[in-house]
Amino acid sequence: FLLPGLIAFILFTLGPILFSLVISFFDWNLFSGPVFVDT
């Protein structure tokens, strides 16, 4: 019963949060591939 809520949390909350942390170290404009720029 907890699994659907857990999956939704990972996909729509925790996942985007971690993804935003990762891409904060990249130069990415959505129209081209991300380029790692460190800090």
Full PDB file with SEQRES, HELIX, SHEET, SSBOND, CRYST1, ORIGX, SCALE, CONECT and MASTER records, all heavy atoms in Angstrom:
SEQRES   1 A   39  PHE LEU LEU PRO GLY LEU ILE ALA PHE ILE LEU PHE THR          
SEQRES   2 A   39  LEU GLY PRO ILE LEU PHE SER LEU VAL ILE SER PHE PHE          
SEQRES   3 A   39  ASP TRP ASN LEU PHE SER GLY PRO VAL PHE VAL ASP THR          
HELIX    1 AA1 LEU A    3  PHE A    9  1                                   7    
HELIX    2 AA2 ILE A   10  LEU A   14  3                                   5    
HELIX    3 AA3 GLY A   15  ILE A   23  1                                   9    
SHEET    1 AA1 2 PHE A  26  ASP A  27  0                                        
SHEET    2 AA1 2 VAL A  35  PHE A  36 -1                                        
CRYST1    1.000    1.000    1.000  90.00  90.00  90.00 P 1           1          
ORIGX1      1.000000  0.000000  0.000000        0.00000                         
ORIGX2      0.000000  1.000000  0.000000        0.00000                         
ORIGX3      0.000000  0.000000  1.000000        0.00000                         
SCALE1      1.000000  0.000000  0.000000        0.00000                         
SCALE2      0.000000  1.000000  0.000000        0.00000                         
SCALE3      0.000000  0.000000  1.000000        0.00000                         
ATOM      1  N   PHE A   1       0.823  -1.207   0.000  1.00  0.00           N  
ATOM      2  CA  PHE A   1       0.000   0.000   0.000  1.00  0.00           C  
ATOM      3  C   PHE A   1       0.863   1.266   0.000  1.00  0.00           C  
ATOM      4  O   PHE A   1       0.465   2.300  -0.532  1.00  0.00           O  
ATOM      5  CB  PHE A   1      -0.929   0.004   1.214  1.00  0.00           C  
ATOM      6  CG  PHE A   1      -2.187  -0.788   1.026  1.00  0.00           C  
ATOM      7  CD1 PHE A   1      -2.344  -2.033   1.621  1.00  0.00           C  
ATOM      8  CD2 PHE A   1      -3.215  -0.299   0.244  1.00  0.00           C  
ATOM      9  CE1 PHE A   1      -3.498  -2.776   1.437  1.00  0.00           C  
ATOM     10  CE2 PHE A   1      -4.384  -1.025   0.051  1.00  0.00           C  
ATOM     11  CZ  PHE A   1      -4.529  -2.276   0.647  1.00  0.00           C  
ATOM     12  N   LEU A   2       2.039   1.189   0.609  1.00  0.00           N  
ATOM     13  CA  LEU A   2       2.939   2.343   0.647  1.00  0.00           C  
ATOM     14  C   LEU A   2       3.696   2.530  -0.662  1.00  0.00           C  
ATOM     15  O   LEU A   2       4.187   3.630  -0.945  1.00  0.00           O  
ATOM     16  CB  LEU A   2       3.947   2.191   1.784  1.00  0.00           C  
ATOM     17  CG  LEU A   2       3.413   2.248   3.214  1.00  0.00           C  
ATOM     18  CD1 LEU A   2       4.542   1.952   4.204  1.00  0.00           C  
ATOM     19  CD2 LEU A   2       2.802   3.609   3.503  1.00  0.00           C  
ATOM     20  N   LEU A   3       3.813   1.465  -1.453  1.00  0.00           N  
ATOM     21  CA  LEU A   3       4.656   1.493  -2.646  1.00  0.00           C  
ATOM     22  C   LEU A   3       4.249   2.554  -3.663  1.00  0.00           C  
ATOM     23  O   LEU A   3       5.126   3.272  -4.175  1.00  0.00           O  
ATOM     24  CB  LEU A   3       4.665   0.101  -3.298  1.00  0.00           C  
ATOM     25  CG  LEU A   3       5.677  -0.092  -4.433  1.00  0.00           C  
ATOM     26  CD1 LEU A   3       7.085   0.149  -3.915  1.00  0.00           C  
ATOM     27  CD2 LEU A   3       5.547  -1.497  -5.021  1.00  0.00           C  
ATOM     28  N   PRO A   4       2.961   2.735  -3.994  1.00  0.00           N  
ATOM     29  CA  PRO A   4       2.614   3.788  -4.970  1.00  0.00           C  
ATOM     30  C   PRO A   4       3.036   5.181  -4.518  1.00  0.00           C  
ATOM     31  O   PRO A   4       3.569   5.963  -5.312  1.00  0.00           O  
ATOM     32  CB  PRO A   4       1.083   3.675  -5.084  1.00  0.00           C  
ATOM     33  CG  PRO A   4       0.781   2.274  -4.690  1.00  0.00           C  
ATOM     34  CD  PRO A   4       1.778   1.933  -3.624  1.00  0.00           C  
ATOM     35  N   GLY A   5       2.805   5.484  -3.242  1.00  0.00           N  
ATOM     36  CA  GLY A   5       3.225   6.784  -2.733  1.00  0.00           C  
ATOM     37  C   GLY A   5       4.730   6.943  -2.737  1.00  0.00           C  
ATOM     38  O   GLY A   5       5.258   8.014  -3.044  1.00  0.00           O  
ATOM     39  N   LEU A   6       5.445   5.859  -2.406  1.00  0.00           N  
ATOM     40  CA  LEU A   6       6.907   5.909  -2.406  1.00  0.00           C  
ATOM     41  C   LEU A   6       7.450   6.120  -3.815  1.00  0.00           C  
ATOM     42  O   LEU A   6       8.385   6.910  -4.012  1.00  0.00           O  
ATOM     43  CB  LEU A   6       7.461   4.616  -1.808  1.00  0.00           C  
ATOM     44  CG  LEU A   6       8.991   4.502  -1.702  1.00  0.00           C  
ATOM     45  CD1 LEU A   6       9.535   5.605  -0.806  1.00  0.00           C  
ATOM     46  CD2 LEU A   6       9.383   3.121  -1.181  1.00  0.00           C  
ATOM     47  N   ILE A   7       6.868   5.426  -4.788  1.00  0.00           N  
ATOM     48  CA  ILE A   7       7.300   5.590  -6.176  1.00  0.00           C  
ATOM     49  C   ILE A   7       7.048   7.017  -6.653  1.00  0.00           C  
ATOM     50  O   ILE A   7       7.897   7.638  -7.301  1.00  0.00           O  
ATOM     51  CB  ILE A   7       6.578   4.567  -7.088  1.00  0.00           C  
ATOM     52  CG1 ILE A   7       7.025   3.144  -6.743  1.00  0.00           C  
ATOM     53  CG2 ILE A   7       6.846   4.869  -8.553  1.00  0.00           C  
ATOM     54  CD1 ILE A   7       6.269   2.072  -7.489  1.00  0.00           C  
ATOM     55  N   ALA A   8       5.866   7.552  -6.312  1.00  0.00           N  
ATOM     56  CA  ALA A   8       5.548   8.927  -6.704  1.00  0.00           C  
ATOM     57  C   ALA A   8       6.514   9.918  -6.052  1.00  0.00           C  
ATOM     58  O   ALA A   8       6.953  10.883  -6.697  1.00  0.00           O  
ATOM     59  CB  ALA A   8       4.111   9.256  -6.317  1.00  0.00           C  
ATOM     60  N   PHE A   9       6.859   9.673  -4.786  1.00  0.00           N  
ATOM     61  CA  PHE A   9       7.809  10.557  -4.093  1.00  0.00           C  
ATOM     62  C   PHE A   9       9.177  10.530  -4.772  1.00  0.00           C  
ATOM     63  O   PHE A   9       9.806  11.579  -4.971  1.00  0.00           O  
ATOM     64  CB  PHE A   9       7.929  10.131  -2.630  1.00  0.00           C  
ATOM     65  CG  PHE A   9       9.015  10.848  -1.875  1.00  0.00           C  
ATOM     66  CD1 PHE A   9       8.847  12.153  -1.460  1.00  0.00           C  
ATOM     67  CD2 PHE A   9      10.218  10.213  -1.598  1.00  0.00           C  
ATOM     68  CE1 PHE A   9       9.851  12.820  -0.775  1.00  0.00           C  
ATOM     69  CE2 PHE A   9      11.231  10.866  -0.908  1.00  0.00           C  
ATOM     70  CZ  PHE A   9      11.039  12.185  -0.501  1.00  0.00           C  
ATOM     71  N   ILE A  10       9.640   9.343  -5.147  1.00  0.00           N  
ATOM     72  CA  ILE A  10      10.955   9.224  -5.778  1.00  0.00           C  
ATOM     73  C   ILE A  10      10.956   9.871  -7.163  1.00  0.00           C  
ATOM     74  O   ILE A  10      11.893  10.585  -7.526  1.00  0.00           O  
ATOM     75  CB  ILE A  10      11.369   7.736  -5.872  1.00  0.00           C  
ATOM     76  CG1 ILE A  10      11.602   7.172  -4.467  1.00  0.00           C  
ATOM     77  CG2 ILE A  10      12.626   7.575  -6.718  1.00  0.00           C  
ATOM     78  CD1 ILE A  10      11.868   5.675  -4.446  1.00  0.00           C  
ATOM     79  N   LEU A  11       9.893   9.636  -7.931  1.00  0.00           N  
ATOM     80  CA  LEU A  11       9.850  10.137  -9.303  1.00  0.00           C  
ATOM     81  C   LEU A  11       9.618  11.637  -9.387  1.00  0.00           C  
ATOM     82  O   LEU A  11      10.220  12.325 -10.230  1.00  0.00           O  
ATOM     83  CB  LEU A  11       8.760   9.403 -10.093  1.00  0.00           C  
ATOM     84  CG  LEU A  11       9.012   7.930 -10.421  1.00  0.00           C  
ATOM     85  CD1 LEU A  11       7.820   7.350 -11.167  1.00  0.00           C  
ATOM     86  CD2 LEU A  11      10.287   7.761 -11.239  1.00  0.00           C  
ATOM     87  N   PHE A  12       8.744  12.157  -8.527  1.00  0.00           N  
ATOM     88  CA  PHE A  12       8.311  13.539  -8.683  1.00  0.00           C  
ATOM     89  C   PHE A  12       8.845  14.500  -7.614  1.00  0.00           C  
ATOM     90  O   PHE A  12       8.627  15.709  -7.728  1.00  0.00           O  
ATOM     91  CB  PHE A  12       6.779  13.600  -8.695  1.00  0.00           C  
ATOM     92  CG  PHE A  12       6.162  12.796  -9.793  1.00  0.00           C  
ATOM     93  CD1 PHE A  12       5.463  11.636  -9.514  1.00  0.00           C  
ATOM     94  CD2 PHE A  12       6.291  13.188 -11.112  1.00  0.00           C  
ATOM     95  CE1 PHE A  12       4.888  10.882 -10.524  1.00  0.00           C  
ATOM     96  CE2 PHE A  12       5.723  12.452 -12.137  1.00  0.00           C  
ATOM     97  CZ  PHE A  12       5.025  11.288 -11.843  1.00  0.00           C  
ATOM     98  N   THR A  13       9.508  13.993  -6.580  1.00  0.00           N  
ATOM     99  CA  THR A  13      10.063  14.871  -5.546  1.00  0.00           C  
ATOM    100  C   THR A  13      11.553  14.643  -5.362  1.00  0.00           C  
ATOM    101  O   THR A  13      12.372  15.520  -5.672  1.00  0.00           O  
ATOM    102  CB  THR A  13       9.332  14.658  -4.206  1.00  0.00           C  
ATOM    103  OG1 THR A  13       7.930  14.886  -4.380  1.00  0.00           O  
ATOM    104  CG2 THR A  13       9.854  15.633  -3.158  1.00  0.00           C  
ATOM    105  N   LEU A  14      11.920  13.484  -4.855  1.00  0.00           N  
ATOM    106  CA  LEU A  14      13.335  13.213  -4.588  1.00  0.00           C  
ATOM    107  C   LEU A  14      14.155  13.193  -5.866  1.00  0.00           C  
ATOM    108  O   LEU A  14      15.260  13.755  -5.911  1.00  0.00           O  
ATOM    109  CB  LEU A  14      13.466  11.878  -3.848  1.00  0.00           C  
ATOM    110  CG  LEU A  14      14.900  11.485  -3.436  1.00  0.00           C  
ATOM    111  CD1 LEU A  14      15.479  12.531  -2.485  1.00  0.00           C  
ATOM    112  CD2 LEU A  14      14.894  10.100  -2.787  1.00  0.00           C  
ATOM    113  N   GLY A  15      13.632  12.572  -6.918  1.00  0.00           N  
ATOM    114  CA  GLY A  15      14.359  12.501  -8.185  1.00  0.00           C  
ATOM    115  C   GLY A  15      14.669  13.873  -8.760  1.00  0.00           C  
ATOM    116  O   GLY A  15      15.839  14.173  -9.060  1.00  0.00           O  
ATOM    117  N   PRO A  16      13.662  14.747  -8.935  1.00  0.00           N  
ATOM    118  CA  PRO A  16      13.953  16.091  -9.454  1.00  0.00           C  
ATOM    119  C   PRO A  16      14.899  16.897  -8.565  1.00  0.00           C  
ATOM    120  O   PRO A  16      15.708  17.680  -9.071  1.00  0.00           O  
ATOM    121  CB  PRO A  16      12.564  16.740  -9.508  1.00  0.00           C  
ATOM    122  CG  PRO A  16      11.630  15.596  -9.689  1.00  0.00           C  
ATOM    123  CD  PRO A  16      12.217  14.487  -8.877  1.00  0.00           C  
ATOM    124  N   ILE A  17      14.807  16.712  -7.241  1.00  0.00           N  
ATOM    125  CA  ILE A  17      15.712  17.440  -6.342  1.00  0.00           C  
ATOM    126  C   ILE A  17      17.157  17.031  -6.603  1.00  0.00           C  
ATOM    127  O   ILE A  17      18.056  17.876  -6.751  1.00  0.00           O  
ATOM    128  CB  ILE A  17      15.326  17.181  -4.874  1.00  0.00           C  
ATOM    129  CG1 ILE A  17      14.011  17.883  -4.544  1.00  0.00           C  
ATOM    130  CG2 ILE A  17      16.429  17.667  -3.931  1.00  0.00           C  
ATOM    131  CD1 ILE A  17      13.483  17.572  -3.154  1.00  0.00           C  
ATOM    132  N   LEU A  18      17.399  15.733  -6.658  1.00  0.00           N  
ATOM    133  CA  LEU A  18      18.756  15.238  -6.918  1.00  0.00           C  
ATOM    134  C   LEU A  18      19.216  15.615  -8.326  1.00  0.00           C  
ATOM    135  O   LEU A  18      20.393  15.956  -8.534  1.00  0.00           O  
ATOM    136  CB  LEU A  18      18.802  13.727  -6.719  1.00  0.00           C  
ATOM    137  CG  LEU A  18      18.528  13.233  -5.295  1.00  0.00           C  
ATOM    138  CD1 LEU A  18      18.560  11.713  -5.242  1.00  0.00           C  
ATOM    139  CD2 LEU A  18      19.530  13.824  -4.303  1.00  0.00           C  
ATOM    140  N   PHE A  19      18.296  15.577  -9.280  1.00  0.00           N  
ATOM    141  CA  PHE A  19      18.648  15.939 -10.650  1.00  0.00           C  
ATOM    142  C   PHE A  19      19.051  17.407 -10.740  1.00  0.00           C  
ATOM    143  O   PHE A  19      19.993  17.769 -11.450  1.00  0.00           O  
ATOM    144  CB  PHE A  19      17.476  15.656 -11.587  1.00  0.00           C  
ATOM    145  CG  PHE A  19      17.750  15.977 -13.023  1.00  0.00           C  
ATOM    146  CD1 PHE A  19      18.641  15.222 -13.760  1.00  0.00           C  
ATOM    147  CD2 PHE A  19      17.107  17.043 -13.641  1.00  0.00           C  
ATOM    148  CE1 PHE A  19      18.900  15.515 -15.091  1.00  0.00           C  
ATOM    149  CE2 PHE A  19      17.358  17.348 -14.967  1.00  0.00           C  
ATOM    150  CZ  PHE A  19      18.255  16.579 -15.699  1.00  0.00           C  
ATOM    151  N   SER A  20      18.331  18.276 -10.009  1.00  0.00           N  
ATOM    152  CA  SER A  20      18.679  19.697 -10.020  1.00  0.00           C  
ATOM    153  C   SER A  20      20.051  19.935  -9.411  1.00  0.00           C  
ATOM    154  O   SER A  20      20.793  20.817  -9.862  1.00  0.00           O  
ATOM    155  CB  SER A  20      17.620  20.509  -9.269  1.00  0.00           C  
ATOM    156  OG  SER A  20      17.669  20.241  -7.870  1.00  0.00           O  
ATOM    157  N   LEU A  21      20.405  19.134  -8.393  1.00  0.00           N  
ATOM    158  CA  LEU A  21      21.738  19.264  -7.803  1.00  0.00           C  
ATOM    159  C   LEU A  21      22.810  18.871  -8.810  1.00  0.00           C  
ATOM    160  O   LEU A  21      23.862  19.528  -8.907  1.00  0.00           O  
ATOM    161  CB  LEU A  21      21.839  18.392  -6.549  1.00  0.00           C  
ATOM    162  CG  LEU A  21      23.201  18.378  -5.847  1.00  0.00           C  
ATOM    163  CD1 LEU A  21      23.570  19.781  -5.374  1.00  0.00           C  
ATOM    164  CD2 LEU A  21      23.184  17.406  -4.666  1.00  0.00           C  
ATOM    165  N   VAL A  22      22.555  17.827  -9.561  1.00  0.00           N  
ATOM    166  CA  VAL A  22      23.536  17.367 -10.551  1.00  0.00           C  
ATOM    167  C   VAL A  22      23.718  18.395 -11.652  1.00  0.00           C  
ATOM    168  O   VAL A  22      24.843  18.771 -11.994  1.00  0.00           O  
ATOM    169  CB  VAL A  22      23.107  16.007 -11.138  1.00  0.00           C  
ATOM    170  CG1 VAL A  22      24.014  15.623 -12.309  1.00  0.00           C  
ATOM    171  CG2 VAL A  22      23.152  14.922 -10.079  1.00  0.00           C  
ATOM    172  N   ILE A  23      22.596  18.886 -12.217  1.00  0.00           N  
ATOM    173  CA  ILE A  23      22.735  19.793 -13.358  1.00  0.00           C  
ATOM    174  C   ILE A  23      23.199  21.181 -12.939  1.00  0.00           C  
ATOM    175  O   ILE A  23      23.518  22.004 -13.798  1.00  0.00           O  
ATOM    176  CB  ILE A  23      21.420  19.902 -14.153  1.00  0.00           C  
ATOM    177  CG1 ILE A  23      20.323  20.568 -13.316  1.00  0.00           C  
ATOM    178  CG2 ILE A  23      20.979  18.553 -14.664  1.00  0.00           C  
ATOM    179  CD1 ILE A  23      19.074  20.874 -14.132  1.00  0.00           C  
ATOM    180  N   SER A  24      23.234  21.456 -11.628  1.00  0.00           N  
ATOM    181  CA  SER A  24      23.773  22.748 -11.193  1.00  0.00           C  
ATOM    182  C   SER A  24      25.263  22.855 -11.489  1.00  0.00           C  
ATOM    183  O   SER A  24      25.816  23.956 -11.441  1.00  0.00           O  
ATOM    184  CB  SER A  24      23.516  22.954  -9.698  1.00  0.00           C  
ATOM    185  OG  SER A  24      24.280  22.066  -8.907  1.00  0.00           O  
ATOM    186  N   PHE A  25      25.894  21.729 -11.797  1.00  0.00           N  
ATOM    187  CA  PHE A  25      27.312  21.719 -12.159  1.00  0.00           C  
ATOM    188  C   PHE A  25      27.505  21.625 -13.676  1.00  0.00           C  
ATOM    189  O   PHE A  25      28.607  21.363 -14.151  1.00  0.00           O  
ATOM    190  CB  PHE A  25      28.031  20.554 -11.475  1.00  0.00           C  
ATOM    191  CG  PHE A  25      28.013  20.631  -9.979  1.00  0.00           C  
ATOM    192  CD1 PHE A  25      27.083  19.907  -9.244  1.00  0.00           C  
ATOM    193  CD2 PHE A  25      28.905  21.444  -9.304  1.00  0.00           C  
ATOM    194  CE1 PHE A  25      27.057  19.978  -7.861  1.00  0.00           C  
ATOM    195  CE2 PHE A  25      28.887  21.527  -7.916  1.00  0.00           C  
ATOM    196  CZ  PHE A  25      27.958  20.792  -7.190  1.00  0.00           C  
ATOM    197  N   PHE A  26      26.428  21.847 -14.426  1.00  0.00           N  
ATOM    198  CA  PHE A  26      26.491  21.773 -15.878  1.00  0.00           C  
ATOM    199  C   PHE A  26      25.957  23.058 -16.496  1.00  0.00           C  
ATOM    200  O   PHE A  26      25.187  23.791 -15.881  1.00  0.00           O  
ATOM    201  CB  PHE A  26      25.652  20.591 -16.398  1.00  0.00           C  
ATOM    202  CG  PHE A  26      26.258  19.239 -16.134  1.00  0.00           C  
ATOM    203  CD1 PHE A  26      26.127  18.633 -14.895  1.00  0.00           C  
ATOM    204  CD2 PHE A  26      26.961  18.582 -17.132  1.00  0.00           C  
ATOM    205  CE1 PHE A  26      26.682  17.387 -14.638  1.00  0.00           C  
ATOM    206  CE2 PHE A  26      27.510  17.332 -16.895  1.00  0.00           C  
ATOM    207  CZ  PHE A  26      27.380  16.734 -15.657  1.00  0.00           C  
ATOM    208  N   ASP A  27      26.383  23.306 -17.721  1.00  0.00           N  
ATOM    209  CA  ASP A  27      25.810  24.363 -18.545  1.00  0.00           C  
ATOM    210  C   ASP A  27      24.853  23.683 -19.510  1.00  0.00           C  
ATOM    211  O   ASP A  27      25.259  22.942 -20.410  1.00  0.00           O  
ATOM    212  CB  ASP A  27      26.915  25.094 -19.308  1.00  0.00           C  
ATOM    213  CG  ASP A  27      26.369  26.235 -20.147  1.00  0.00           C  
ATOM    214  OD1 ASP A  27      25.191  26.605 -19.954  1.00  0.00           O  
ATOM    215  OD2 ASP A  27      27.097  26.743 -21.019  1.00  0.00           O  
ATOM    216  N   TRP A  28      23.535  23.938 -19.315  1.00  0.00           N  
ATOM    217  CA  TRP A  28      22.522  23.224 -20.093  1.00  0.00           C  
ATOM    218  C   TRP A  28      21.365  24.157 -20.399  1.00  0.00           C  
ATOM    219  O   TRP A  28      20.801  24.768 -19.503  1.00  0.00           O  
ATOM    220  CB  TRP A  28      22.026  22.005 -19.293  1.00  0.00           C  
ATOM    221  CG  TRP A  28      21.089  21.124 -20.024  1.00  0.00           C  
ATOM    222  CD1 TRP A  28      21.134  20.800 -21.351  1.00  0.00           C  
ATOM    223  CD2 TRP A  28      19.947  20.453 -19.478  1.00  0.00           C  
ATOM    224  NE1 TRP A  28      20.100  19.961 -21.672  1.00  0.00           N  
ATOM    225  CE2 TRP A  28      19.353  19.722 -20.546  1.00  0.00           C  
ATOM    226  CE3 TRP A  28      19.377  20.373 -18.216  1.00  0.00           C  
ATOM    227  CZ2 TRP A  28      18.216  18.944 -20.364  1.00  0.00           C  
ATOM    228  CZ3 TRP A  28      18.256  19.605 -18.036  1.00  0.00           C  
ATOM    229  CH2 TRP A  28      17.686  18.888 -19.098  1.00  0.00           C  
ATOM    230  N   ASN A  29      21.032  24.276 -21.685  1.00  0.00           N  
ATOM    231  CA  ASN A  29      19.959  25.175 -22.104  1.00  0.00           C  
ATOM    232  C   ASN A  29      18.756  24.442 -22.684  1.00  0.00           C  
ATOM    233  O   ASN A  29      17.912  25.055 -23.350  1.00  0.00           O  
ATOM    234  CB  ASN A  29      20.482  26.188 -23.120  1.00  0.00           C  
ATOM    235  CG  ASN A  29      20.992  25.518 -24.388  1.00  0.00           C  
ATOM    236  OD1 ASN A  29      20.873  24.304 -24.554  1.00  0.00           O  
ATOM    237  ND2 ASN A  29      21.577  26.310 -25.270  1.00  0.00           N  
ATOM    238  N   LEU A  30      18.656  23.138 -22.485  1.00  0.00           N  
ATOM    239  CA  LEU A  30      17.557  22.285 -22.942  1.00  0.00           C  
ATOM    240  C   LEU A  30      17.623  21.952 -24.431  1.00  0.00           C  
ATOM    241  O   LEU A  30      17.006  20.986 -24.878  1.00  0.00           O  
ATOM    242  CB  LEU A  30      16.182  22.916 -22.653  1.00  0.00           C  
ATOM    243  CG  LEU A  30      15.749  23.045 -21.192  1.00  0.00           C  
ATOM    244  CD1 LEU A  30      14.378  23.698 -21.111  1.00  0.00           C  
ATOM    245  CD2 LEU A  30      15.707  21.686 -20.509  1.00  0.00           C  
ATOM    246  N   PHE A  31      18.341  22.740 -25.214  1.00  0.00           N  
ATOM    247  CA  PHE A  31      18.380  22.525 -26.660  1.00  0.00           C  
ATOM    248  C   PHE A  31      19.681  21.885 -27.119  1.00  0.00           C  
ATOM    249  O   PHE A  31      19.820  21.540 -28.295  1.00  0.00           O  
ATOM    250  CB  PHE A  31      18.177  23.859 -27.395  1.00  0.00           C  
ATOM    251  CG  PHE A  31      16.899  24.548 -27.025  1.00  0.00           C  
ATOM    252  CD1 PHE A  31      16.902  25.639 -26.177  1.00  0.00           C  
ATOM    253  CD2 PHE A  31      15.686  24.084 -27.494  1.00  0.00           C  
ATOM    254  CE1 PHE A  31      15.715  26.273 -25.824  1.00  0.00           C  
ATOM    255  CE2 PHE A  31      14.495  24.707 -27.151  1.00  0.00           C  
ATOM    256  CZ  PHE A  31      14.506  25.808 -26.319  1.00  0.00           C  
ATOM    257  N   SER A  32      20.618  21.736 -26.213  1.00  0.00           N  
ATOM    258  CA  SER A  32      21.889  21.081 -26.532  1.00  0.00           C  
ATOM    259  C   SER A  32      22.300  20.233 -25.344  1.00  0.00           C  
ATOM    260  O   SER A  32      21.727  20.355 -24.249  1.00  0.00           O  
ATOM    261  CB  SER A  32      22.967  22.117 -26.858  1.00  0.00           C  
ATOM    262  OG  SER A  32      23.194  22.973 -25.739  1.00  0.00           O  
ATOM    263  N   GLY A  33      23.260  19.386 -25.553  1.00  0.00           N  
ATOM    264  CA  GLY A  33      23.706  18.505 -24.494  1.00  0.00           C  
ATOM    265  C   GLY A  33      24.338  19.270 -23.341  1.00  0.00           C  
ATOM    266  O   GLY A  33      24.967  20.313 -23.542  1.00  0.00           O  
ATOM    267  N   PRO A  34      24.169  18.773 -22.108  1.00  0.00           N  
ATOM    268  CA  PRO A  34      24.792  19.448 -20.957  1.00  0.00           C  
ATOM    269  C   PRO A  34      26.311  19.354 -20.999  1.00  0.00           C  
ATOM    270  O   PRO A  34      26.872  18.337 -21.404  1.00  0.00           O  
ATOM    271  CB  PRO A  34      24.215  18.691 -19.759  1.00  0.00           C  
ATOM    272  CG  PRO A  34      23.822  17.357 -20.290  1.00  0.00           C  
ATOM    273  CD  PRO A  34      23.415  17.570 -21.708  1.00  0.00           C  
ATOM    274  N   VAL A  35      26.944  20.434 -20.586  1.00  0.00           N  
ATOM    275  CA  VAL A  35      28.412  20.511 -20.550  1.00  0.00           C  
ATOM    276  C   VAL A  35      28.842  20.716 -19.109  1.00  0.00           C  
ATOM    277  O   VAL A  35      28.394  21.668 -18.453  1.00  0.00           O  
ATOM    278  CB  VAL A  35      28.927  21.662 -21.439  1.00  0.00           C  
ATOM    279  CG1 VAL A  35      30.451  21.741 -21.353  1.00  0.00           C  
ATOM    280  CG2 VAL A  35      28.470  21.477 -22.878  1.00  0.00           C  
ATOM    281  N   PHE A  36      29.706  19.848 -18.623  1.00  0.00           N  
ATOM    282  CA  PHE A  36      30.165  19.958 -17.233  1.00  0.00           C  
ATOM    283  C   PHE A  36      31.043  21.194 -17.070  1.00  0.00           C  
ATOM    284  O   PHE A  36      32.019  21.382 -17.801  1.00  0.00           O  
ATOM    285  CB  PHE A  36      30.939  18.706 -16.843  1.00  0.00           C  
ATOM    286  CG  PHE A  36      31.430  18.716 -15.423  1.00  0.00           C  
ATOM    287  CD1 PHE A  36      30.542  18.568 -14.364  1.00  0.00           C  
ATOM    288  CD2 PHE A  36      32.782  18.880 -15.140  1.00  0.00           C  
ATOM    289  CE1 PHE A  36      30.983  18.578 -13.060  1.00  0.00           C  
ATOM    290  CE2 PHE A  36      33.230  18.897 -13.836  1.00  0.00           C  
ATOM    291  CZ  PHE A  36      32.333  18.740 -12.795  1.00  0.00           C  
ATOM    292  N   VAL A  37      30.692  22.039 -16.093  1.00  0.00           N  
ATOM    293  CA  VAL A  37      31.453  23.271 -15.861  1.00  0.00           C  
ATOM    294  C   VAL A  37      31.935  23.374 -14.417  1.00  0.00           C  
ATOM    295  O   VAL A  37      32.327  24.450 -13.968  1.00  0.00           O  
ATOM    296  CB  VAL A  37      30.600  24.512 -16.221  1.00  0.00           C  
ATOM    297  CG1 VAL A  37      30.332  24.569 -17.717  1.00  0.00           C  
ATOM    298  CG2 VAL A  37      29.299  24.529 -15.426  1.00  0.00           C  
ATOM    299  N   ASP A  38      31.860  22.268 -13.679  1.00  0.00           N  
ATOM    300  CA  ASP A  38      32.297  22.234 -12.281  1.00  0.00           C  
ATOM    301  C   ASP A  38      31.471  23.246 -11.467  1.00  0.00           C  
ATOM    302  O   ASP A  38      30.259  23.226 -11.508  1.00  0.00           O  
ATOM    303  CB  ASP A  38      33.795  22.495 -12.196  1.00  0.00           C  
ATOM    304  CG  ASP A  38      34.400  21.986 -10.890  1.00  0.00           C  
ATOM    305  OD1 ASP A  38      33.675  21.322 -10.119  1.00  0.00           O  
ATOM    306  OD2 ASP A  38      35.572  22.249 -10.633  1.00  0.00           O  
ATOM    307  N   THR A  39      32.118  24.147 -10.749  1.00  0.00           N  
ATOM    308  CA  THR A  39      31.406  25.108  -9.897  1.00  0.00           C  
ATOM    309  C   THR A  39      31.265  26.482 -10.555  1.00  0.00           C  
ATOM    310  O   THR A  39      31.040  27.480  -9.871  1.00  0.00           O  
ATOM    311  CB  THR A  39      32.138  25.272  -8.552  1.00  0.00           C  
ATOM    312  OG1 THR A  39      33.475  25.756  -8.799  1.00  0.00           O  
ATOM    313  CG2 THR A  39      32.200  23.958  -7.795  1.00  0.00           C  
TER     314      THR A  39                                                      
MASTER        0    0    0    3    2    0    0    6  313    1    0    3          
END                                                                             
